[in-house]
Amino acid sequence: MPGICIISIDAELAWGINAEDLPALSRILDDEPRVIRRMIDLFDAYRVPATWAVVGRMLLRQAEGDGDVRTPERWYSAPYLLDWIGGARVGHEIGTHTFTHVYAHDPATTHEVWIRELEAAVEVGKQFGIPMRSIVYPRNQVAYLDTLSDFGIIAYRGVEQSWYGNRPGAPHFLGRALGTRAPTYDPRTLRVGERLVNLPASQFLVGSNGPRRLIPHSSRIRQARLGLNRAVSRGEIYHLWFHPFNLGGDPRMLNTFERILRHVSRCRDKGGLTVMTMAQAADHLLGGAVVSGERR
């Protein structure tokens, strides 16, 4: 059985950035539309589909929202995104990253608040004719799994099962800097009940801003290649994720991403790897049909 490669993208603009960090990231945020266009071109060039987990609020213009107007608008609103993704040659998936990037582990995020977030996100999807079948939790704070099926969601991205896991700080930095092998996962172990699948992260493609610029680009590529090769040899799942702004600020990041896509493409073309969106992988693991990610 071939391995499976999944790429999920946390599309959130500035919704997930603390206000005090915005000045330092302003140039990267301004550059994000260009980075997204380049990402879409690369996905087309290598015939690789991805899951774009989108903060629902950013698909609306500021005046169409709930009164929570944030400025500058270009950092919080991107109604063009669906047209760009929909115009790609490969069939990407649009998933949800909640409506306003709410943190599930925040004490203020009660069950009622969480339900309102999903209701709003799904409603935005309906406005554009998009069923939300996958979710990426902001900050990877997984909770309220029992609510997902009620909204038609069949897949979520679980926490990376590496030795440093989801913990920030020195262990995380060391693992990335050394380019240790990204974990992969046995597909037979990922079902959560009858209608839900956990698709854990394998590798966060860290950006090159701040102290992360000290991480060699070769380490990012090495970590991906080792994980992909393990997925091929063991018939397991490798799941790469990042934010578009992680590829901004340093022109080498897009080159690094392209080199990873090139390895994905080689593994696929040799028959050892299938590239799927999160929903496609969940359908596969739940026993449904898998739809090709490439448009004909």
C-alpha atoms as a PDB file:
ATOM      1  CA  MET A   1       0.000   0.000   0.000  1.00  0.00           C
ATOM      2  CA  PRO A   2       1.436   3.418  -0.945  1.00  0.00           C
ATOM      3  CA  GLY A   3       2.124   5.986   1.713  1.00  0.00           C
ATOM      4  CA  ILE A   4      -0.050   9.076   1.988  1.00  0.00           C
ATOM      5  CA  CYS A   5       1.111  12.688   1.952  1.00  0.00           C
ATOM      6  CA  ILE A   6      -1.133  15.449   3.307  1.00  0.00           C
ATOM      7  CA  ILE A   7      -0.350  19.163   3.260  1.00  0.00           C
ATOM      8  CA  SER A   8      -2.530  21.493   5.324  1.00  0.00           C
ATOM      9  CA  ILE A   9      -2.236  25.265   5.405  1.00  0.00           C
ATOM     10  CA  ASP A  10      -3.393  27.491   8.250  1.00  0.00           C
ATOM     11  CA  ALA A  11      -4.800  30.439   6.285  1.00  0.00           C
ATOM     12  CA  GLU A  12      -5.435  33.095   8.890  1.00  0.00           C
ATOM     13  CA  LEU A  13      -3.567  36.288   7.908  1.00  0.00           C
ATOM     14  CA  ALA A  14      -3.239  38.246  11.174  1.00  0.00           C
ATOM     15  CA  TRP A  15      -6.141  36.619  13.023  1.00  0.00           C
ATOM     16  CA  GLY A  16      -3.798  34.383  14.994  1.00  0.00           C
ATOM     17  CA  ILE A  17      -1.088  36.970  15.705  1.00  0.00           C
ATOM     18  CA  ASN A  18      -0.877  38.800  19.014  1.00  0.00           C
ATOM     19  CA  ALA A  19      -1.222  42.566  18.681  1.00  0.00           C
ATOM     20  CA  GLU A  20       2.213  43.203  20.180  1.00  0.00           C
ATOM     21  CA  ASP A  21       3.824  41.020  17.497  1.00  0.00           C
ATOM     22  CA  LEU A  22       2.178  42.726  14.522  1.00  0.00           C
ATOM     23  CA  PRO A  23       4.758  45.510  13.982  1.00  0.00           C
ATOM     24  CA  ALA A  24       7.586  43.000  13.594  1.00  0.00           C
ATOM     25  CA  LEU A  25       5.551  40.927  11.132  1.00  0.00           C
ATOM     26  CA  SER A  26       4.006  43.756   9.106  1.00  0.00           C
ATOM     27  CA  ARG A  27       6.283  43.273   6.093  1.00  0.00           C
ATOM     28  CA  ILE A  28       5.604  39.546   6.009  1.00  0.00           C
ATOM     29  CA  LEU A  29       1.836  40.097   6.262  1.00  0.00           C
ATOM     30  CA  ASP A  30       1.924  42.647   3.432  1.00  0.00           C
ATOM     31  CA  ASP A  31       3.793  40.109   1.316  1.00  0.00           C
ATOM     32  CA  GLU A  32       1.407  37.241   2.049  1.00  0.00           C
ATOM     33  CA  PRO A  33      -0.810  37.590  -1.068  1.00  0.00           C
ATOM     34  CA  ARG A  34       2.266  37.256  -3.291  1.00  0.00           C
ATOM     35  CA  VAL A  35       3.401  34.214  -1.311  1.00  0.00           C
ATOM     36  CA  ILE A  36      -0.019  32.583  -1.673  1.00  0.00           C
ATOM     37  CA  ARG A  37      -0.008  33.151  -5.432  1.00  0.00           C
ATOM     38  CA  ARG A  38       3.419  31.536  -5.646  1.00  0.00           C
ATOM     39  CA  MET A  39       2.298  28.618  -3.484  1.00  0.00           C
ATOM     40  CA  ILE A  40      -0.670  27.966  -5.762  1.00  0.00           C
ATOM     41  CA  ASP A  41       1.634  28.023  -8.807  1.00  0.00           C
ATOM     42  CA  LEU A  42       3.971  25.517  -7.133  1.00  0.00           C
ATOM     43  CA  PHE A  43       1.109  23.208  -6.207  1.00  0.00           C
ATOM     44  CA  ASP A  44      -0.002  23.301  -9.853  1.00  0.00           C
ATOM     45  CA  ALA A  45       3.511  22.708 -11.172  1.00  0.00           C
ATOM     46  CA  TYR A  46       3.952  19.579  -9.044  1.00  0.00           C
ATOM     47  CA  ARG A  47       0.280  18.475  -9.231  1.00  0.00           C
ATOM     48  CA  VAL A  48      -0.094  18.484  -5.454  1.00  0.00           C
ATOM     49  CA  PRO A  49      -3.439  19.330  -3.783  1.00  0.00           C
ATOM     50  CA  ALA A  50      -3.634  20.737  -0.269  1.00  0.00           C
ATOM     51  CA  THR A  51      -6.160  21.480   2.451  1.00  0.00           C
ATOM     52  CA  TRP A  52      -6.503  25.208   3.075  1.00  0.00           C
ATOM     53  CA  ALA A  53      -7.888  25.601   6.601  1.00  0.00           C
ATOM     54  CA  VAL A  54      -9.352  29.093   6.438  1.00  0.00           C
ATOM     55  CA  VAL A  55     -10.492  31.460   9.185  1.00  0.00           C
ATOM     56  CA  GLY A  56     -14.054  32.075   8.035  1.00  0.00           C
ATOM     57  CA  ARG A  57     -14.093  35.752   8.985  1.00  0.00           C
ATOM     58  CA  MET A  58     -11.294  36.592   6.554  1.00  0.00           C
ATOM     59  CA  LEU A  59     -13.396  35.468   3.591  1.00  0.00           C
ATOM     60  CA  LEU A  60     -15.747  38.387   4.253  1.00  0.00           C
ATOM     61  CA  ARG A  61     -15.060  42.029   3.692  1.00  0.00           C
ATOM     62  CA  GLN A  62     -14.801  43.979   6.921  1.00  0.00           C
ATOM     63  CA  ALA A  63     -18.173  45.676   6.443  1.00  0.00           C
ATOM     64  CA  GLU A  64     -19.870  42.285   6.065  1.00  0.00           C
ATOM     65  CA  GLY A  65     -18.667  40.948   9.398  1.00  0.00           C
ATOM     66  CA  ASP A  66     -19.873  41.064  12.952  1.00  0.00           C
ATOM     67  CA  GLY A  67     -18.652  44.529  13.825  1.00  0.00           C
ATOM     68  CA  ASP A  68     -15.187  43.375  14.896  1.00  0.00           C
ATOM     69  CA  VAL A  69     -13.425  45.633  12.407  1.00  0.00           C
ATOM     70  CA  ARG A  70      -9.643  45.341  12.502  1.00  0.00           C
ATOM     71  CA  THR A  71      -7.102  47.347  10.596  1.00  0.00           C
ATOM     72  CA  PRO A  72      -5.417  47.403   8.236  1.00  0.00           C
ATOM     73  CA  GLU A  73      -8.103  45.471   6.383  1.00  0.00           C
ATOM     74  CA  ARG A  74      -5.626  43.621   4.150  1.00  0.00           C
ATOM     75  CA  TRP A  75      -4.305  41.811   7.244  1.00  0.00           C
ATOM     76  CA  TYR A  76      -7.748  40.503   8.218  1.00  0.00           C
ATOM     77  CA  SER A  77      -9.789  40.186   5.036  1.00  0.00           C
ATOM     78  CA  ALA A  78      -8.980  38.159   1.917  1.00  0.00           C
ATOM     79  CA  PRO A  79     -12.175  37.521  -0.078  1.00  0.00           C
ATOM     80  CA  TYR A  80      -9.982  36.922  -3.142  1.00  0.00           C
ATOM     81  CA  LEU A  81      -8.591  33.718  -1.641  1.00  0.00           C
ATOM     82  CA  LEU A  82     -11.403  31.418  -2.766  1.00  0.00           C
ATOM     83  CA  ASP A  83     -11.138  32.639  -6.364  1.00  0.00           C
ATOM     84  CA  TRP A  84      -7.396  32.030  -6.383  1.00  0.00           C
ATOM     85  CA  ILE A  85      -7.678  28.544  -4.907  1.00  0.00           C
ATOM     86  CA  GLY A  86     -10.669  27.684  -7.085  1.00  0.00           C
ATOM     87  CA  GLY A  87      -8.738  28.730 -10.186  1.00  0.00           C
ATOM     88  CA  ALA A  88      -5.934  26.263  -9.544  1.00  0.00           C
ATOM     89  CA  ARG A  89      -5.396  23.277 -11.827  1.00  0.00           C
ATOM     90  CA  VAL A  90      -5.340  20.886  -8.868  1.00  0.00           C
ATOM     91  CA  GLY A  91      -8.408  20.297  -6.711  1.00  0.00           C
ATOM     92  CA  HIS A  92      -7.616  21.829  -3.341  1.00  0.00           C
ATOM     93  CA  GLU A  93      -9.857  21.446  -0.302  1.00  0.00           C
ATOM     94  CA  ILE A  94     -11.205  24.351   1.752  1.00  0.00           C
ATOM     95  CA  GLY A  95     -11.435  23.407   5.416  1.00  0.00           C
ATOM     96  CA  THR A  96     -12.142  25.486   8.496  1.00  0.00           C
ATOM     97  CA  HIS A  97      -9.796  27.120  10.981  1.00  0.00           C
ATOM     98  CA  THR A  98     -12.861  28.291  12.973  1.00  0.00           C
ATOM     99  CA  PHE A  99     -14.603  31.604  12.288  1.00  0.00           C
ATOM    100  CA  THR A 100     -12.362  33.971  14.264  1.00  0.00           C
ATOM    101  CA  HIS A 101      -9.353  31.783  15.187  1.00  0.00           C
ATOM    102  CA  VAL A 102     -10.734  30.950  18.630  1.00  0.00           C
ATOM    103  CA  TYR A 103      -8.585  28.859  20.980  1.00  0.00           C
ATOM    104  CA  ALA A 104     -10.397  25.737  22.128  1.00  0.00           C
ATOM    105  CA  HIS A 105      -8.393  25.506  25.383  1.00  0.00           C
ATOM    106  CA  ASP A 106      -9.113  29.084  26.411  1.00  0.00           C
ATOM    107  CA  PRO A 107     -11.414  29.084  29.476  1.00  0.00           C
ATOM    108  CA  ALA A 108     -13.523  31.692  27.675  1.00  0.00           C
ATOM    109  CA  THR A 109     -14.222  29.205  24.887  1.00  0.00           C
ATOM    110  CA  THR A 110     -17.182  27.452  26.432  1.00  0.00           C
ATOM    111  CA  HIS A 111     -19.141  24.776  24.644  1.00  0.00           C
ATOM    112  CA  GLU A 112     -21.642  27.418  23.550  1.00  0.00           C
ATOM    113  CA  VAL A 113     -18.914  29.701  22.200  1.00  0.00           C
ATOM    114  CA  TRP A 114     -17.370  26.798  20.314  1.00  0.00           C
ATOM    115  CA  ILE A 115     -20.687  25.854  18.724  1.00  0.00           C
ATOM    116  CA  ARG A 116     -21.255  29.457  17.601  1.00  0.00           C
ATOM    117  CA  GLU A 117     -17.787  29.509  16.041  1.00  0.00           C
ATOM    118  CA  LEU A 118     -18.454  26.367  14.020  1.00  0.00           C
ATOM    119  CA  GLU A 119     -21.935  27.520  13.055  1.00  0.00           C
ATOM    120  CA  ALA A 120     -20.529  30.796  11.734  1.00  0.00           C
ATOM    121  CA  ALA A 121     -17.708  29.063   9.871  1.00  0.00           C
ATOM    122  CA  VAL A 122     -20.061  26.575   8.240  1.00  0.00           C
ATOM    123  CA  GLU A 123     -22.469  29.369   7.311  1.00  0.00           C
ATOM    124  CA  VAL A 124     -19.686  31.230   5.504  1.00  0.00           C
ATOM    125  CA  GLY A 125     -18.893  28.016   3.650  1.00  0.00           C
ATOM    126  CA  LYS A 126     -22.518  27.690   2.588  1.00  0.00           C
ATOM    127  CA  GLN A 127     -22.472  31.241   1.227  1.00  0.00           C
ATOM    128  CA  PHE A 128     -19.747  30.158  -1.178  1.00  0.00           C
ATOM    129  CA  GLY A 129     -21.049  26.634  -1.798  1.00  0.00           C
ATOM    130  CA  ILE A 130     -18.221  24.986   0.154  1.00  0.00           C
ATOM    131  CA  PRO A 131     -18.875  22.100   2.557  1.00  0.00           C
ATOM    132  CA  MET A 132     -16.491  22.238   5.502  1.00  0.00           C
ATOM    133  CA  ARG A 133     -15.338  18.642   6.010  1.00  0.00           C
ATOM    134  CA  SER A 134     -11.991  19.214   7.757  1.00  0.00           C
ATOM    135  CA  ILE A 135     -10.886  21.338  10.685  1.00  0.00           C
ATOM    136  CA  VAL A 136      -7.514  22.592  11.848  1.00  0.00           C
ATOM    137  CA  TYR A 137      -7.631  23.797  15.431  1.00  0.00           C
ATOM    138  CA  PRO A 138      -5.975  27.172  16.069  1.00  0.00           C
ATOM    139  CA  ARG A 139      -2.707  26.643  17.946  1.00  0.00           C
ATOM    140  CA  ASN A 140      -3.444  22.913  17.595  1.00  0.00           C
ATOM    141  CA  GLN A 141      -5.634  23.073  20.716  1.00  0.00           C
ATOM    142  CA  VAL A 142      -7.781  20.011  20.078  1.00  0.00           C
ATOM    143  CA  ALA A 143     -11.074  19.806  21.993  1.00  0.00           C
ATOM    144  CA  TYR A 144     -14.845  19.341  21.558  1.00  0.00           C
ATOM    145  CA  LEU A 145     -14.360  16.380  19.236  1.00  0.00           C
ATOM    146  CA  ASP A 146     -17.900  15.232  19.952  1.00  0.00           C
ATOM    147  CA  THR A 147     -19.277  18.325  18.169  1.00  0.00           C
ATOM    148  CA  LEU A 148     -17.526  17.897  14.817  1.00  0.00           C
ATOM    149  CA  SER A 149     -19.751  15.288  13.206  1.00  0.00           C
ATOM    150  CA  ASP A 150     -22.796  17.491  13.785  1.00  0.00           C
ATOM    151  CA  PHE A 151     -21.282  19.945  11.300  1.00  0.00           C
ATOM    152  CA  GLY A 152     -20.257  17.370   8.702  1.00  0.00           C
ATOM    153  CA  ILE A 153     -16.588  17.455   9.700  1.00  0.00           C
ATOM    154  CA  ILE A 154     -14.840  14.109   9.227  1.00  0.00           C
ATOM    155  CA  ALA A 155     -11.171  15.026   9.754  1.00  0.00           C
ATOM    156  CA  TYR A 156      -9.049  17.075  12.132  1.00  0.00           C
ATOM    157  CA  ARG A 157      -5.316  17.639  12.367  1.00  0.00           C
ATOM    158  CA  GLY A 158      -4.056  16.175  15.598  1.00  0.00           C
ATOM    159  CA  VAL A 159      -0.946  17.147  17.542  1.00  0.00           C
ATOM    160  CA  GLU A 160       2.423  16.027  16.197  1.00  0.00           C
ATOM    161  CA  GLN A 161       3.573  12.828  17.908  1.00  0.00           C
ATOM    162  CA  SER A 162       7.293  13.578  17.980  1.00  0.00           C
ATOM    163  CA  TRP A 163       9.530  13.606  21.047  1.00  0.00           C
ATOM    164  CA  TYR A 164       9.079  17.372  21.323  1.00  0.00           C
ATOM    165  CA  GLY A 165       5.381  17.301  20.357  1.00  0.00           C
ATOM    166  CA  ASN A 166       3.478  20.582  20.424  1.00  0.00           C
ATOM    167  CA  ARG A 167       5.781  22.139  23.021  1.00  0.00           C
ATOM    168  CA  PRO A 168       7.472  25.427  22.112  1.00  0.00           C
ATOM    169  CA  GLY A 169      10.949  26.346  23.231  1.00  0.00           C
ATOM    170  CA  ALA A 170      14.307  24.574  23.160  1.00  0.00           C
ATOM    171  CA  PRO A 171      13.166  20.964  22.428  1.00  0.00           C
ATOM    172  CA  HIS A 172      11.078  22.098  19.455  1.00  0.00           C
ATOM    173  CA  PHE A 173      13.868  24.316  18.124  1.00  0.00           C
ATOM    174  CA  LEU A 174      16.470  21.578  18.532  1.00  0.00           C
ATOM    175  CA  GLY A 175      14.373  18.999  16.709  1.00  0.00           C
ATOM    176  CA  ARG A 176      13.829  21.342  13.769  1.00  0.00           C
ATOM    177  CA  ALA A 177      17.455  22.499  13.688  1.00  0.00           C
ATOM    178  CA  LEU A 178      18.778  18.931  13.619  1.00  0.00           C
ATOM    179  CA  GLY A 179      16.305  17.906  10.935  1.00  0.00           C
ATOM    180  CA  THR A 180      15.261  14.822  12.870  1.00  0.00           C
ATOM    181  CA  ARG A 181      12.907  12.502  11.022  1.00  0.00           C
ATOM    182  CA  ALA A 182       9.332  13.697  10.957  1.00  0.00           C
ATOM    183  CA  PRO A 183       6.937  11.156  12.508  1.00  0.00           C
ATOM    184  CA  THR A 184       4.549   9.227  10.308  1.00  0.00           C
ATOM    185  CA  TYR A 185       1.390   7.381  11.284  1.00  0.00           C
ATOM    186  CA  ASP A 186      -0.190   3.989  10.716  1.00  0.00           C
ATOM    187  CA  PRO A 187      -3.520   4.690   8.951  1.00  0.00           C
ATOM    188  CA  ARG A 188      -5.171   1.825  10.805  1.00  0.00           C
ATOM    189  CA  THR A 189      -4.842   3.646  14.137  1.00  0.00           C
ATOM    190  CA  LEU A 190      -6.377   7.014  13.241  1.00  0.00           C
ATOM    191  CA  ARG A 191     -10.143   6.518  13.290  1.00  0.00           C
ATOM    192  CA  VAL A 192     -11.962   8.247  16.129  1.00  0.00           C
ATOM    193  CA  GLY A 193     -15.342   6.564  16.343  1.00  0.00           C
ATOM    194  CA  GLU A 194     -17.437   5.883  13.260  1.00  0.00           C
ATOM    195  CA  ARG A 195     -17.353   9.223  11.427  1.00  0.00           C
ATOM    196  CA  LEU A 196     -14.147  11.017  12.393  1.00  0.00           C
ATOM    197  CA  VAL A 197     -10.430  10.642  11.634  1.00  0.00           C
ATOM    198  CA  ASN A 198      -7.435  12.161  13.413  1.00  0.00           C
ATOM    199  CA  LEU A 199      -4.711  13.101  10.909  1.00  0.00           C
ATOM    200  CA  PRO A 200      -1.823  14.152  13.171  1.00  0.00           C
ATOM    201  CA  ALA A 201       0.817  16.619  12.082  1.00  0.00           C
ATOM    202  CA  SER A 202       4.201  15.253  11.073  1.00  0.00           C
ATOM    203  CA  GLN A 203       6.129  18.454  10.456  1.00  0.00           C
ATOM    204  CA  PHE A 204       5.634  22.174  10.914  1.00  0.00           C
ATOM    205  CA  LEU A 205       7.553  23.961   8.158  1.00  0.00           C
ATOM    206  CA  VAL A 206       9.017  26.667  10.372  1.00  0.00           C
ATOM    207  CA  GLY A 207       9.636  30.104   8.918  1.00  0.00           C
ATOM    208  CA  SER A 208      12.925  31.979   8.850  1.00  0.00           C
ATOM    209  CA  ASN A 209      12.092  34.996  10.974  1.00  0.00           C
ATOM    210  CA  GLY A 210      13.606  35.810  14.349  1.00  0.00           C
ATOM    211  CA  PRO A 211      15.684  33.030  15.968  1.00  0.00           C
ATOM    212  CA  ARG A 212      14.309  30.539  13.430  1.00  0.00           C
ATOM    213  CA  ARG A 213      16.629  32.021  10.814  1.00  0.00           C
ATOM    214  CA  LEU A 214      19.365  30.044  12.578  1.00  0.00           C
ATOM    215  CA  ILE A 215      17.726  26.764  11.496  1.00  0.00           C
ATOM    216  CA  PRO A 216      19.456  25.593   8.304  1.00  0.00           C
ATOM    217  CA  HIS A 217      17.127  25.327   5.330  1.00  0.00           C
ATOM    218  CA  SER A 218      18.698  21.951   4.641  1.00  0.00           C
ATOM    219  CA  SER A 219      17.332  20.744   8.003  1.00  0.00           C
ATOM    220  CA  ARG A 220      13.767  21.551   6.971  1.00  0.00           C
ATOM    221  CA  ILE A 221      14.241  19.622   3.743  1.00  0.00           C
ATOM    222  CA  ARG A 222      15.991  16.718   5.491  1.00  0.00           C
ATOM    223  CA  GLN A 223      13.168  16.392   8.022  1.00  0.00           C
ATOM    224  CA  ALA A 224      10.587  16.253   5.227  1.00  0.00           C
ATOM    225  CA  ARG A 225      12.525  13.784   3.094  1.00  0.00           C
ATOM    226  CA  LEU A 226      13.115  11.413   5.999  1.00  0.00           C
ATOM    227  CA  GLY A 227       9.428  11.535   6.900  1.00  0.00           C
ATOM    228  CA  LEU A 228       8.279  11.049   3.325  1.00  0.00           C
ATOM    229  CA  ASN A 229      10.663   8.158   2.783  1.00  0.00           C
ATOM    230  CA  ARG A 230       9.379   6.492   5.956  1.00  0.00           C
ATOM    231  CA  ALA A 231       5.776   6.980   4.799  1.00  0.00           C
ATOM    232  CA  VAL A 232       6.648   5.313   1.489  1.00  0.00           C
ATOM    233  CA  SER A 233       8.488   2.374   3.047  1.00  0.00           C
ATOM    234  CA  ARG A 234       5.855   1.689   5.711  1.00  0.00           C
ATOM    235  CA  GLY A 235       2.642   2.701   3.924  1.00  0.00           C
ATOM    236  CA  GLU A 236       2.056   5.430   6.513  1.00  0.00           C
ATOM    237  CA  ILE A 237       0.863   9.040   6.578  1.00  0.00           C
ATOM    238  CA  TYR A 238       3.136  12.087   6.458  1.00  0.00           C
ATOM    239  CA  HIS A 239       1.398  15.415   7.191  1.00  0.00           C
ATOM    240  CA  LEU A 240       3.166  18.747   6.542  1.00  0.00           C
ATOM    241  CA  TRP A 241       1.665  22.046   7.717  1.00  0.00           C
ATOM    242  CA  PHE A 242       2.462  25.742   7.905  1.00  0.00           C
ATOM    243  CA  HIS A 243       1.010  29.228   7.517  1.00  0.00           C
ATOM    244  CA  PRO A 244       1.558  31.136   4.253  1.00  0.00           C
ATOM    245  CA  PHE A 245       3.454  33.806   6.168  1.00  0.00           C
ATOM    246  CA  ASN A 246       5.969  31.156   7.262  1.00  0.00           C
ATOM    247  CA  LEU A 247       7.167  31.186   3.643  1.00  0.00           C
ATOM    248  CA  GLY A 248       7.520  34.986   3.588  1.00  0.00           C
ATOM    249  CA  GLY A 249      10.297  37.309   4.684  1.00  0.00           C
ATOM    250  CA  ASP A 250      13.110  35.111   3.321  1.00  0.00           C
ATOM    251  CA  PRO A 251      13.153  34.202  -0.393  1.00  0.00           C
ATOM    252  CA  ARG A 252      14.842  30.907   0.441  1.00  0.00           C
ATOM    253  CA  MET A 253      11.683  29.620   2.158  1.00  0.00           C
ATOM    254  CA  LEU A 254       9.733  29.282  -1.083  1.00  0.00           C
ATOM    255  CA  ASN A 255      12.698  27.457  -2.585  1.00  0.00           C
ATOM    256  CA  THR A 256      12.782  25.152   0.436  1.00  0.00           C
ATOM    257  CA  PHE A 257       9.079  24.447   0.014  1.00  0.00           C
ATOM    258  CA  GLU A 258       9.562  23.741  -3.697  1.00  0.00           C
ATOM    259  CA  ARG A 259      12.316  21.237  -2.940  1.00  0.00           C
ATOM    260  CA  ILE A 260       9.965  19.414  -0.565  1.00  0.00           C
ATOM    261  CA  LEU A 261       7.230  19.378  -3.228  1.00  0.00           C
ATOM    262  CA  ARG A 262       9.751  18.019  -5.711  1.00  0.00           C
ATOM    263  CA  HIS A 263      10.475  15.087  -3.409  1.00  0.00           C
ATOM    264  CA  VAL A 264       6.743  14.508  -2.889  1.00  0.00           C
ATOM    265  CA  SER A 265       6.312  14.442  -6.658  1.00  0.00           C
ATOM    266  CA  ARG A 266       9.160  11.966  -7.152  1.00  0.00           C
ATOM    267  CA  CYS A 267       7.803   9.593  -4.509  1.00  0.00           C
ATOM    268  CA  ARG A 268       4.334   9.788  -6.064  1.00  0.00           C
ATOM    269  CA  ASP A 269       5.558   9.283  -9.627  1.00  0.00           C
ATOM    270  CA  LYS A 270       7.448   6.166  -8.539  1.00  0.00           C
ATOM    271  CA  GLY A 271       4.187   4.744  -7.167  1.00  0.00           C
ATOM    272  CA  GLY A 272       5.152   4.855  -3.516  1.00  0.00           C
ATOM    273  CA  LEU A 273       3.017   7.795  -2.421  1.00  0.00           C
ATOM    274  CA  THR A 274      -0.505   9.127  -2.854  1.00  0.00           C
ATOM    275  CA  VAL A 275      -1.156  12.816  -2.228  1.00  0.00           C
ATOM    276  CA  MET A 276      -4.521  13.552  -0.593  1.00  0.00           C
ATOM    277  CA  THR A 277      -6.362  16.391   1.056  1.00  0.00           C
ATOM    278  CA  MET A 278      -7.475  15.873   4.636  1.00  0.00           C
ATOM    279  CA  ALA A 279     -11.042  15.037   3.574  1.00  0.00           C
ATOM    280  CA  GLN A 280      -9.827  12.599   0.922  1.00  0.00           C
ATOM    281  CA  ALA A 281      -7.626  10.828   3.443  1.00  0.00           C
ATOM    282  CA  ALA A 282     -10.504  10.646   5.917  1.00  0.00           C
ATOM    283  CA  ASP A 283     -12.840   9.271   3.252  1.00  0.00           C
ATOM    284  CA  HIS A 284     -10.212   6.664   2.443  1.00  0.00           C
ATOM    285  CA  LEU A 285      -9.770   5.622   6.063  1.00  0.00           C
ATOM    286  CA  LEU A 286     -13.513   5.571   6.680  1.00  0.00           C
ATOM    287  CA  GLY A 287     -14.007   3.293   3.701  1.00  0.00           C
ATOM    288  CA  GLY A 288     -15.230   5.801   1.128  1.00  0.00           C
ATOM    289  CA  ALA A 289     -13.968   6.608  -2.328  1.00  0.00           C
ATOM    290  CA  VAL A 290     -10.882   8.745  -2.829  1.00  0.00           C
ATOM    291  CA  VAL A 291     -11.210  11.509  -5.406  1.00  0.00           C
ATOM    292  CA  SER A 292      -8.122  12.520  -7.351  1.00  0.00           C
ATOM    293  CA  GLY A 293      -6.765  15.913  -6.409  1.00  0.00           C
ATOM    294  CA  GLU A 294      -5.877  16.836  -9.982  1.00  0.00           C
ATOM    295  CA  ARG A 295      -8.352  18.675 -12.197  1.00  0.00           C
ATOM    296  CA  ARG A 296      -8.804  17.213 -15.661  1.00  0.00           C
END
